[in-house]
C-alpha cells in the first residue's frame, strides 16, 4: 500500500499515478482502486464507474456503494445546523415526495436529518453484515440483487432532499465532489434505479 511520507506538502498528498488494478492485491484492492480514481480526477465519472474486465461486477458495485456512503456522510456533515428537526421536520424532496424512514420496525416519519443518518446507518449495517457479505473479493449475486437496488433508491433521497431544500449546499458540494452526478450515472448504468425516480434535473449535474 502506498502512503504519504511524513512532511509531504498538502498539494502533493496522494499525488501518485493510479495503479493498474491487476497489480493490486488484498481484499481492499477494489476499494483502493476506486478511491485512487476519485482522487486522480473526481470529474471523470465514466472512468470511475466503469469496471475493469478482471473485477467481478458484484464486487465493483458493492465497493462503490460503500464509497458513496463514506462521501454522503460528508454531505450530511455539511447540512448539520442548517437541516434540523425544526427547519425540515419531514423528509421531503418536493411537496409531492414524502419519504418514510424504513430503519424502524414499522416505517415512520422522521425529520430529514434523522432520516439521512438512519438511512446511512442502515445501509452501512446491511453492507457490513458478515453473514451476507463475508468476503470483499467475491459477492453472492443473489445478495447483490436483494440489497443493492434497495440501498441505491434510499440513498438517492439524500441528494433529492438536499437539492430541493438546501440548493446552495448541494451546488457547492457537487462542484467539488461530483458525487450526485457519479451516483446517478452509476445507478442508471447498472439498472439499480428506474429513470422515473430521478428527480434532480440534468442541468444540476455535471454530465
C-alpha atoms as a PDB file:
ATOM      1  CA  UNK A   1       0.000   0.000   0.000  1.00  0.00           C
ATOM      2  CA  UNK A   2       1.353   3.453  -0.906  1.00  0.00           C
ATOM      3  CA  UNK A   3       1.494   6.094   1.804  1.00  0.00           C
ATOM      4  CA  UNK A   4       2.257   9.790   2.038  1.00  0.00           C
ATOM      5  CA  UNK A   5       5.653  10.403   3.593  1.00  0.00           C
ATOM      6  CA  UNK A   6       5.903  12.482   6.762  1.00  0.00           C
ATOM      7  CA  UNK A   7       6.415  16.118   5.800  1.00  0.00           C
ATOM      8  CA  UNK A   8       4.727  15.862   2.388  1.00  0.00           C
ATOM      9  CA  UNK A   9       3.291  19.228   1.340  1.00  0.00           C
ATOM     10  CA  UNK A  10      -0.509  19.421   1.096  1.00  0.00           C
ATOM     11  CA  UNK A  11      -0.525  19.910  -2.677  1.00  0.00           C
ATOM     12  CA  UNK A  12       1.433  16.674  -3.119  1.00  0.00           C
ATOM     13  CA  UNK A  13      -0.647  14.448  -0.834  1.00  0.00           C
ATOM     14  CA  UNK A  14      -1.871  11.319  -2.679  1.00  0.00           C
ATOM     15  CA  UNK A  15      -0.295  12.748  -5.841  1.00  0.00           C
ATOM     16  CA  UNK A  16       0.653   9.438  -7.377  1.00  0.00           C
ATOM     17  CA  UNK A  17      -0.493   7.849 -10.613  1.00  0.00           C
ATOM     18  CA  UNK A  18      -3.440   5.455 -10.492  1.00  0.00           C
ATOM     19  CA  UNK A  19      -2.075   1.952 -10.118  1.00  0.00           C
ATOM     20  CA  UNK A  20      -3.168  -0.781 -12.516  1.00  0.00           C
ATOM     21  CA  UNK A  21      -5.704  -2.836 -10.582  1.00  0.00           C
ATOM     22  CA  UNK A  22      -4.145  -6.055 -11.881  1.00  0.00           C
ATOM     23  CA  UNK A  23      -1.079  -5.113  -9.815  1.00  0.00           C
ATOM     24  CA  UNK A  24      -3.087  -4.502  -6.640  1.00  0.00           C
ATOM     25  CA  UNK A  25      -3.538  -7.296  -4.116  1.00  0.00           C
ATOM     26  CA  UNK A  26      -5.569  -7.966  -1.000  1.00  0.00           C
ATOM     27  CA  UNK A  27      -9.245  -7.821  -0.025  1.00  0.00           C
ATOM     28  CA  UNK A  28      -9.352  -3.996  -0.250  1.00  0.00           C
ATOM     29  CA  UNK A  29      -7.827  -3.740  -3.727  1.00  0.00           C
ATOM     30  CA  UNK A  30     -11.066  -2.703  -5.454  1.00  0.00           C
ATOM     31  CA  UNK A  31     -11.875  -0.131  -2.782  1.00  0.00           C
ATOM     32  CA  UNK A  32      -8.370   1.349  -3.032  1.00  0.00           C
ATOM     33  CA  UNK A  33      -8.558   1.432  -6.834  1.00  0.00           C
ATOM     34  CA  UNK A  34     -11.894   3.286  -6.809  1.00  0.00           C
ATOM     35  CA  UNK A  35     -10.570   5.782  -4.282  1.00  0.00           C
ATOM     36  CA  UNK A  36      -7.455   6.349  -6.383  1.00  0.00           C
ATOM     37  CA  UNK A  37      -9.607   7.079  -9.440  1.00  0.00           C
ATOM     38  CA  UNK A  38     -11.660   9.594  -7.455  1.00  0.00           C
ATOM     39  CA  UNK A  39      -8.559  11.310  -6.069  1.00  0.00           C
ATOM     40  CA  UNK A  40      -6.978  11.473  -9.528  1.00  0.00           C
ATOM     41  CA  UNK A  41      -9.987  13.161 -11.161  1.00  0.00           C
ATOM     42  CA  UNK A  42     -13.386  13.140  -9.467  1.00  0.00           C
ATOM     43  CA  UNK A  43     -14.957  14.645 -12.596  1.00  0.00           C
ATOM     44  CA  UNK A  44     -14.033  11.641 -14.768  1.00  0.00           C
ATOM     45  CA  UNK A  45     -17.282   9.836 -13.997  1.00  0.00           C
ATOM     46  CA  UNK A  46     -17.107   7.343 -16.849  1.00  0.00           C
ATOM     47  CA  UNK A  47     -13.685   6.076 -15.812  1.00  0.00           C
ATOM     48  CA  UNK A  48     -14.617   5.891 -12.125  1.00  0.00           C
ATOM     49  CA  UNK A  49     -17.775   3.819 -12.591  1.00  0.00           C
ATOM     50  CA  UNK A  50     -16.637   1.551 -15.448  1.00  0.00           C
ATOM     51  CA  UNK A  51     -15.473  -1.798 -14.054  1.00  0.00           C
ATOM     52  CA  UNK A  52     -12.139  -3.219 -15.250  1.00  0.00           C
ATOM     53  CA  UNK A  53     -12.675  -6.551 -17.045  1.00  0.00           C
ATOM     54  CA  UNK A  54     -10.895  -8.504 -14.305  1.00  0.00           C
ATOM     55  CA  UNK A  55     -13.153  -7.235 -11.495  1.00  0.00           C
ATOM     56  CA  UNK A  56     -16.313  -9.101 -10.517  1.00  0.00           C
ATOM     57  CA  UNK A  57     -19.312  -6.872 -11.304  1.00  0.00           C
ATOM     58  CA  UNK A  58     -20.973  -7.505  -7.943  1.00  0.00           C
ATOM     59  CA  UNK A  59     -17.799  -6.649  -6.019  1.00  0.00           C
ATOM     60  CA  UNK A  60     -17.465  -3.498  -8.132  1.00  0.00           C
ATOM     61  CA  UNK A  61     -20.991  -2.362  -7.275  1.00  0.00           C
ATOM     62  CA  UNK A  62     -20.560  -3.312  -3.616  1.00  0.00           C
ATOM     63  CA  UNK A  63     -17.394  -1.250  -3.203  1.00  0.00           C
ATOM     64  CA  UNK A  64     -18.947   1.733  -4.963  1.00  0.00           C
ATOM     65  CA  UNK A  65     -21.897   1.631  -2.580  1.00  0.00           C
ATOM     66  CA  UNK A  66     -19.556   1.637   0.407  1.00  0.00           C
ATOM     67  CA  UNK A  67     -17.693   4.579  -1.109  1.00  0.00           C
ATOM     68  CA  UNK A  68     -20.926   6.508  -1.746  1.00  0.00           C
ATOM     69  CA  UNK A  69     -21.865   6.079   1.908  1.00  0.00           C
ATOM     70  CA  UNK A  70     -18.489   7.438   3.038  1.00  0.00           C
ATOM     71  CA  UNK A  71     -18.908  10.531   0.877  1.00  0.00           C
ATOM     72  CA  UNK A  72     -22.580  11.035   1.721  1.00  0.00           C
ATOM     73  CA  UNK A  73     -21.570  11.232   5.363  1.00  0.00           C
ATOM     74  CA  UNK A  74     -19.520  14.283   4.375  1.00  0.00           C
ATOM     75  CA  UNK A  75     -22.612  15.828   2.763  1.00  0.00           C
ATOM     76  CA  UNK A  76     -24.675  15.225   5.899  1.00  0.00           C
ATOM     77  CA  UNK A  77     -21.949  16.913   7.935  1.00  0.00           C
ATOM     78  CA  UNK A  78     -22.295  19.977   5.693  1.00  0.00           C
ATOM     79  CA  UNK A  79     -26.049  20.034   6.348  1.00  0.00           C
ATOM     80  CA  UNK A  80     -25.862  19.923  10.139  1.00  0.00           C
ATOM     81  CA  UNK A  81     -27.065  23.164  11.664  1.00  0.00           C
ATOM     82  CA  UNK A  82     -28.998  24.057   8.502  1.00  0.00           C
ATOM     83  CA  UNK A  83     -31.117  20.935   8.135  1.00  0.00           C
ATOM     84  CA  UNK A  84     -32.652  20.396  11.576  1.00  0.00           C
ATOM     85  CA  UNK A  85     -35.788  18.919  13.110  1.00  0.00           C
ATOM     86  CA  UNK A  86     -37.155  22.477  13.161  1.00  0.00           C
ATOM     87  CA  UNK A  87     -36.277  23.562   9.605  1.00  0.00           C
ATOM     88  CA  UNK A  88     -37.006  20.185   7.970  1.00  0.00           C
ATOM     89  CA  UNK A  89     -39.380  18.219  10.252  1.00  0.00           C
ATOM     90  CA  UNK A  90     -40.228  15.778   7.440  1.00  0.00           C
ATOM     91  CA  UNK A  91     -38.059  14.032   4.866  1.00  0.00           C
ATOM     92  CA  UNK A  92     -39.210  15.580   1.615  1.00  0.00           C
ATOM     93  CA  UNK A  93     -37.803  16.369  -1.784  1.00  0.00           C
ATOM     94  CA  UNK A  94     -40.598  18.474  -3.269  1.00  0.00           C
ATOM     95  CA  UNK A  95     -44.024  18.830  -1.690  1.00  0.00           C
ATOM     96  CA  UNK A  96     -45.104  15.812  -3.766  1.00  0.00           C
ATOM     97  CA  UNK A  97     -42.495  13.481  -2.280  1.00  0.00           C
ATOM     98  CA  UNK A  98     -42.618  12.492   1.400  1.00  0.00           C
ATOM     99  CA  UNK A  99     -40.289   9.672   2.417  1.00  0.00           C
ATOM    100  CA  UNK A 100     -40.916   7.381   5.375  1.00  0.00           C
ATOM    101  CA  UNK A 101     -37.926   6.057   7.281  1.00  0.00           C
ATOM    102  CA  UNK A 102     -37.503   2.292   6.813  1.00  0.00           C
ATOM    103  CA  UNK A 103     -34.881   1.993   9.556  1.00  0.00           C
ATOM    104  CA  UNK A 104     -37.603   1.314  12.138  1.00  0.00           C
ATOM    105  CA  UNK A 105     -39.637  -1.847  12.737  1.00  0.00           C
ATOM    106  CA  UNK A 106     -42.509  -0.011  11.101  1.00  0.00           C
ATOM    107  CA  UNK A 107     -41.774   2.728   8.552  1.00  0.00           C
ATOM    108  CA  UNK A 108     -42.445   6.143  10.047  1.00  0.00           C
ATOM    109  CA  UNK A 109     -41.895   9.851   9.522  1.00  0.00           C
ATOM    110  CA  UNK A 110     -38.561  11.278  10.661  1.00  0.00           C
ATOM    111  CA  UNK A 111     -37.034  14.708  10.376  1.00  0.00           C
ATOM    112  CA  UNK A 112     -34.878  14.970   7.256  1.00  0.00           C
ATOM    113  CA  UNK A 113     -31.578  14.965   9.144  1.00  0.00           C
ATOM    114  CA  UNK A 114     -32.608  11.935  11.233  1.00  0.00           C
ATOM    115  CA  UNK A 115     -33.801  10.151   8.090  1.00  0.00           C
ATOM    116  CA  UNK A 116     -30.424  10.725   6.454  1.00  0.00           C
ATOM    117  CA  UNK A 117     -28.462   9.468   9.444  1.00  0.00           C
ATOM    118  CA  UNK A 118     -30.750   6.443   9.905  1.00  0.00           C
ATOM    119  CA  UNK A 119     -30.540   5.704   6.174  1.00  0.00           C
ATOM    120  CA  UNK A 120     -26.741   5.802   6.121  1.00  0.00           C
ATOM    121  CA  UNK A 121     -26.521   3.700   9.282  1.00  0.00           C
ATOM    122  CA  UNK A 122     -28.951   1.107   7.922  1.00  0.00           C
ATOM    123  CA  UNK A 123     -27.157   0.908   4.570  1.00  0.00           C
ATOM    124  CA  UNK A 124     -23.808   0.524   6.319  1.00  0.00           C
ATOM    125  CA  UNK A 125     -25.248  -2.201   8.535  1.00  0.00           C
ATOM    126  CA  UNK A 126     -26.522  -4.140   5.515  1.00  0.00           C
ATOM    127  CA  UNK A 127     -23.233  -3.912   3.615  1.00  0.00           C
ATOM    128  CA  UNK A 128     -21.041  -4.801   6.587  1.00  0.00           C
ATOM    129  CA  UNK A 129     -23.126  -7.785   7.683  1.00  0.00           C
ATOM    130  CA  UNK A 130     -20.598 -10.624   7.694  1.00  0.00           C
ATOM    131  CA  UNK A 131     -23.267 -13.276   7.177  1.00  0.00           C
ATOM    132  CA  UNK A 132     -24.461 -11.643   3.966  1.00  0.00           C
ATOM    133  CA  UNK A 133     -21.104 -10.329   2.752  1.00  0.00           C
ATOM    134  CA  UNK A 134     -18.373 -12.499   4.319  1.00  0.00           C
ATOM    135  CA  UNK A 135     -15.855 -11.544   1.623  1.00  0.00           C
ATOM    136  CA  UNK A 136     -14.885  -8.401  -0.272  1.00  0.00           C
ATOM    137  CA  UNK A 137     -13.368 -10.329  -3.169  1.00  0.00           C
ATOM    138  CA  UNK A 138     -16.444 -12.401  -4.010  1.00  0.00           C
ATOM    139  CA  UNK A 139     -20.118 -11.420  -3.705  1.00  0.00           C
ATOM    140  CA  UNK A 140     -23.064 -13.806  -3.977  1.00  0.00           C
ATOM    141  CA  UNK A 141     -25.110 -12.455  -6.939  1.00  0.00           C
ATOM    142  CA  UNK A 142     -28.345 -13.118  -5.045  1.00  0.00           C
ATOM    143  CA  UNK A 143     -27.217 -10.891  -2.174  1.00  0.00           C
ATOM    144  CA  UNK A 144     -26.386  -8.167  -4.665  1.00  0.00           C
ATOM    145  CA  UNK A 145     -29.808  -8.455  -6.288  1.00  0.00           C
ATOM    146  CA  UNK A 146     -31.591  -8.422  -2.935  1.00  0.00           C
ATOM    147  CA  UNK A 147     -29.899  -5.358  -1.458  1.00  0.00           C
ATOM    148  CA  UNK A 148     -28.148  -3.056  -3.908  1.00  0.00           C
ATOM    149  CA  UNK A 149     -31.203  -1.512  -5.603  1.00  0.00           C
ATOM    150  CA  UNK A 150     -32.895  -1.068  -2.214  1.00  0.00           C
ATOM    151  CA  UNK A 151     -29.874   0.832  -0.898  1.00  0.00           C
ATOM    152  CA  UNK A 152     -29.468   2.955  -4.039  1.00  0.00           C
ATOM    153  CA  UNK A 153     -33.099   4.113  -4.092  1.00  0.00           C
ATOM    154  CA  UNK A 154     -32.922   5.248  -0.487  1.00  0.00           C
ATOM    155  CA  UNK A 155     -29.526   6.892  -0.709  1.00  0.00           C
ATOM    156  CA  UNK A 156     -30.682   8.907  -3.708  1.00  0.00           C
ATOM    157  CA  UNK A 157     -33.279  10.552  -1.498  1.00  0.00           C
ATOM    158  CA  UNK A 158     -30.497  12.296   0.417  1.00  0.00           C
ATOM    159  CA  UNK A 159     -29.458  14.039  -2.780  1.00  0.00           C
ATOM    160  CA  UNK A 160     -33.078  14.904  -3.622  1.00  0.00           C
ATOM    161  CA  UNK A 161     -33.779  16.496  -0.267  1.00  0.00           C
ATOM    162  CA  UNK A 162     -30.548  18.475  -0.376  1.00  0.00           C
ATOM    163  CA  UNK A 163     -31.123  19.716  -3.919  1.00  0.00           C
ATOM    164  CA  UNK A 164     -34.693  20.904  -3.375  1.00  0.00           C
ATOM    165  CA  UNK A 165     -34.287  22.237   0.162  1.00  0.00           C
ATOM    166  CA  UNK A 166     -30.628  23.228   0.556  1.00  0.00           C
ATOM    167  CA  UNK A 167     -29.650  24.050  -3.011  1.00  0.00           C
ATOM    168  CA  UNK A 168     -26.590  26.134  -2.186  1.00  0.00           C
ATOM    169  CA  UNK A 169     -25.091  23.293  -0.135  1.00  0.00           C
ATOM    170  CA  UNK A 170     -25.906  20.848  -2.935  1.00  0.00           C
ATOM    171  CA  UNK A 171     -24.249  23.003  -5.590  1.00  0.00           C
ATOM    172  CA  UNK A 172     -21.115  23.716  -3.552  1.00  0.00           C
ATOM    173  CA  UNK A 173     -20.710  20.043  -2.687  1.00  0.00           C
ATOM    174  CA  UNK A 174     -21.375  18.884  -6.244  1.00  0.00           C
ATOM    175  CA  UNK A 175     -18.951  21.406  -7.724  1.00  0.00           C
ATOM    176  CA  UNK A 176     -16.215  19.922  -5.585  1.00  0.00           C
ATOM    177  CA  UNK A 177     -17.129  16.228  -5.376  1.00  0.00           C
ATOM    178  CA  UNK A 178     -19.308  15.415  -8.443  1.00  0.00           C
ATOM    179  CA  UNK A 179     -20.974  12.921  -6.119  1.00  0.00           C
ATOM    180  CA  UNK A 180     -24.603  13.129  -7.208  1.00  0.00           C
ATOM    181  CA  UNK A 181     -23.534  13.016 -10.847  1.00  0.00           C
ATOM    182  CA  UNK A 182     -21.430   9.926 -10.208  1.00  0.00           C
ATOM    183  CA  UNK A 183     -24.161   8.305  -8.115  1.00  0.00           C
ATOM    184  CA  UNK A 184     -26.850   8.938 -10.755  1.00  0.00           C
ATOM    185  CA  UNK A 185     -24.719   7.651 -13.623  1.00  0.00           C
ATOM    186  CA  UNK A 186     -23.747   4.598 -11.566  1.00  0.00           C
ATOM    187  CA  UNK A 187     -27.359   3.791 -10.636  1.00  0.00           C
ATOM    188  CA  UNK A 188     -28.545   4.066 -14.233  1.00  0.00           C
ATOM    189  CA  UNK A 189     -25.574   2.214 -15.727  1.00  0.00           C
ATOM    190  CA  UNK A 190     -26.196  -0.839 -13.550  1.00  0.00           C
ATOM    191  CA  UNK A 191     -30.017  -0.620 -13.608  1.00  0.00           C
ATOM    192  CA  UNK A 192     -30.192  -0.102  -9.855  1.00  0.00           C
ATOM    193  CA  UNK A 193     -32.814   2.632 -10.087  1.00  0.00           C
ATOM    194  CA  UNK A 194     -35.560   3.449 -12.558  1.00  0.00           C
ATOM    195  CA  UNK A 195     -35.031   6.668 -14.562  1.00  0.00           C
ATOM    196  CA  UNK A 196     -38.564   7.612 -13.437  1.00  0.00           C
ATOM    197  CA  UNK A 197     -37.244   8.033  -9.883  1.00  0.00           C
ATOM    198  CA  UNK A 198     -34.619  10.590 -10.912  1.00  0.00           C
ATOM    199  CA  UNK A 199     -35.911  13.879  -9.501  1.00  0.00           C
ATOM    200  CA  UNK A 200     -32.870  16.141  -9.854  1.00  0.00           C
ATOM    201  CA  UNK A 201     -32.737  17.838 -13.279  1.00  0.00           C
ATOM    202  CA  UNK A 202     -29.833  17.053 -15.600  1.00  0.00           C
ATOM    203  CA  UNK A 203     -28.748  20.685 -15.700  1.00  0.00           C
ATOM    204  CA  UNK A 204     -27.959  20.486 -11.967  1.00  0.00           C
ATOM    205  CA  UNK A 205     -25.494  17.661 -12.584  1.00  0.00           C
ATOM    206  CA  UNK A 206     -22.034  17.621 -14.131  1.00  0.00           C
ATOM    207  CA  UNK A 207     -22.980  15.416 -17.080  1.00  0.00           C
END
